N, C-alpha and C. Protein backbone atom coordinates (compact mmCIF):
# COMPACT_ATOMS: atom_id res chain seq x y z
N UNK A 1 0.85 -1.16 0.00
CA UNK A 1 0.00 0.00 0.00
C UNK A 1 0.90 1.23 0.00
N UNK A 2 0.66 2.14 -0.91
CA UNK A 2 1.46 3.36 -0.97
C UNK A 2 0.95 4.36 0.07
N UNK A 3 1.73 5.39 0.33
CA UNK A 3 1.29 6.44 1.26
C UNK A 3 0.00 7.08 0.78
N UNK A 4 -0.12 7.26 -0.52
CA UNK A 4 -1.33 7.87 -1.09
C UNK A 4 -2.55 6.99 -0.82
N UNK A 5 -2.40 5.68 -1.05
CA UNK A 5 -3.50 4.76 -0.79
C UNK A 5 -3.85 4.71 0.69
N UNK A 6 -2.84 4.73 1.54
CA UNK A 6 -3.07 4.71 2.98
C UNK A 6 -3.86 5.94 3.42
N UNK A 7 -3.47 7.09 2.94
CA UNK A 7 -4.18 8.33 3.31
C UNK A 7 -5.63 8.30 2.83
N UNK A 8 -5.85 7.81 1.61
CA UNK A 8 -7.22 7.71 1.08
C UNK A 8 -8.05 6.75 1.93
N UNK A 9 -7.48 5.60 2.24
CA UNK A 9 -8.18 4.59 3.04
C UNK A 9 -8.54 5.15 4.41
N UNK A 10 -7.58 5.77 5.07
CA UNK A 10 -7.83 6.31 6.40
C UNK A 10 -8.86 7.44 6.36
N UNK A 11 -8.85 8.22 5.30
CA UNK A 11 -9.84 9.30 5.16
C UNK A 11 -11.25 8.73 5.07
N UNK A 12 -11.39 7.61 4.34
CA UNK A 12 -12.71 6.99 4.17
C UNK A 12 -13.24 6.45 5.49
N UNK A 13 -12.38 5.86 6.32
CA UNK A 13 -12.86 5.25 7.56
C UNK A 13 -12.76 6.17 8.77
N UNK A 14 -12.38 7.40 8.58
CA UNK A 14 -12.23 8.33 9.71
C UNK A 14 -13.52 8.47 10.52
N UNK A 15 -14.66 8.40 9.88
CA UNK A 15 -15.93 8.56 10.59
C UNK A 15 -16.30 7.39 11.48
N UNK A 16 -15.64 6.27 11.33
CA UNK A 16 -15.93 5.09 12.14
C UNK A 16 -14.82 4.92 13.18
N UNK A 17 -15.11 5.29 14.40
CA UNK A 17 -14.09 5.33 15.45
C UNK A 17 -13.43 3.97 15.69
N UNK A 18 -14.22 2.91 15.69
CA UNK A 18 -13.65 1.58 15.97
C UNK A 18 -12.73 1.14 14.85
N UNK A 19 -13.18 1.18 13.61
CA UNK A 19 -12.35 0.71 12.50
C UNK A 19 -11.17 1.63 12.26
N UNK A 20 -11.34 2.93 12.46
CA UNK A 20 -10.21 3.84 12.29
C UNK A 20 -9.11 3.48 13.28
N UNK A 21 -9.48 3.33 14.53
CA UNK A 21 -8.49 2.99 15.56
C UNK A 21 -7.81 1.66 15.26
N UNK A 22 -8.61 0.66 14.85
CA UNK A 22 -8.06 -0.65 14.55
C UNK A 22 -7.05 -0.59 13.42
N UNK A 23 -7.45 -0.02 12.29
CA UNK A 23 -6.55 0.00 11.14
C UNK A 23 -5.36 0.95 11.34
N UNK A 24 -5.57 2.06 12.02
CA UNK A 24 -4.45 2.96 12.30
C UNK A 24 -3.39 2.21 13.12
N UNK A 25 -3.86 1.50 14.14
CA UNK A 25 -2.94 0.75 14.99
C UNK A 25 -2.25 -0.35 14.19
N UNK A 26 -3.02 -1.08 13.40
CA UNK A 26 -2.45 -2.18 12.62
C UNK A 26 -1.41 -1.68 11.61
N UNK A 27 -1.73 -0.62 10.91
CA UNK A 27 -0.88 -0.16 9.82
C UNK A 27 0.33 0.65 10.28
N UNK A 28 0.32 1.14 11.50
CA UNK A 28 1.43 2.00 11.93
C UNK A 28 2.32 1.40 13.01
N UNK A 29 1.92 0.26 13.59
CA UNK A 29 2.72 -0.27 14.70
C UNK A 29 3.46 -1.56 14.38
N UNK A 30 2.96 -2.32 13.43
CA UNK A 30 3.58 -3.61 13.14
C UNK A 30 3.15 -4.71 14.09
N UNK A 31 2.14 -4.44 14.91
CA UNK A 31 1.63 -5.47 15.81
C UNK A 31 1.00 -6.61 15.00
N UNK A 32 1.07 -7.81 15.55
CA UNK A 32 0.42 -8.96 14.92
C UNK A 32 -1.05 -8.97 15.29
N UNK A 33 -1.84 -9.74 14.53
CA UNK A 33 -3.29 -9.79 14.73
C UNK A 33 -3.65 -10.11 16.18
N UNK A 34 -3.04 -11.11 16.76
CA UNK A 34 -3.34 -11.48 18.14
C UNK A 34 -3.03 -10.37 19.13
N UNK A 35 -1.97 -9.63 18.87
CA UNK A 35 -1.60 -8.51 19.75
C UNK A 35 -2.62 -7.39 19.65
N UNK A 36 -3.05 -7.11 18.44
CA UNK A 36 -4.04 -6.04 18.24
C UNK A 36 -5.36 -6.43 18.90
N UNK A 37 -5.78 -7.67 18.70
CA UNK A 37 -7.06 -8.12 19.27
C UNK A 37 -7.03 -8.13 20.79
N UNK A 38 -5.85 -8.18 21.37
CA UNK A 38 -5.72 -8.17 22.82
C UNK A 38 -5.79 -6.78 23.43
N UNK A 39 -5.74 -5.75 22.61
CA UNK A 39 -5.80 -4.38 23.13
C UNK A 39 -7.22 -4.05 23.56
N UNK A 40 -7.35 -3.22 24.56
CA UNK A 40 -8.66 -2.74 24.97
C UNK A 40 -8.71 -1.23 24.76
N UNK A 41 -9.89 -0.68 24.86
CA UNK A 41 -10.05 0.76 24.68
C UNK A 41 -9.26 1.57 25.70
N UNK A 42 -8.97 0.97 26.84
CA UNK A 42 -8.22 1.67 27.89
C UNK A 42 -6.75 1.77 27.55
N UNK A 43 -6.26 0.90 26.65
CA UNK A 43 -4.82 0.88 26.38
C UNK A 43 -4.43 1.64 25.13
N UNK A 44 -5.41 2.22 24.45
CA UNK A 44 -5.09 2.92 23.21
C UNK A 44 -5.65 4.33 23.24
N UNK A 45 -5.02 5.20 22.48
CA UNK A 45 -5.50 6.56 22.35
C UNK A 45 -5.58 6.92 20.88
N UNK A 46 -6.56 7.68 20.51
CA UNK A 46 -6.74 8.07 19.12
C UNK A 46 -5.81 9.24 18.81
N UNK A 47 -5.10 9.18 17.69
CA UNK A 47 -4.20 10.27 17.33
C UNK A 47 -5.00 11.54 17.03
N UNK A 48 -4.39 12.69 17.26
CA UNK A 48 -5.10 13.94 17.00
C UNK A 48 -5.02 14.34 15.54
N UNK A 49 -4.04 13.86 14.80
CA UNK A 49 -3.91 14.20 13.38
C UNK A 49 -3.10 13.11 12.69
N UNK A 50 -3.36 12.93 11.40
CA UNK A 50 -2.57 11.98 10.61
C UNK A 50 -1.34 12.61 10.09
């Protein structure tokens, strides 16, 4: 995925708080699926800007 595609994708899902947080975390941290699924809302914070 190019930076351009990533920005477009994130722009489309910005309105959905759950999916935005999930994909932002997945695409920017390198965590594995099991690690991401183990996170709770208390352990993550939404970024203020892309």
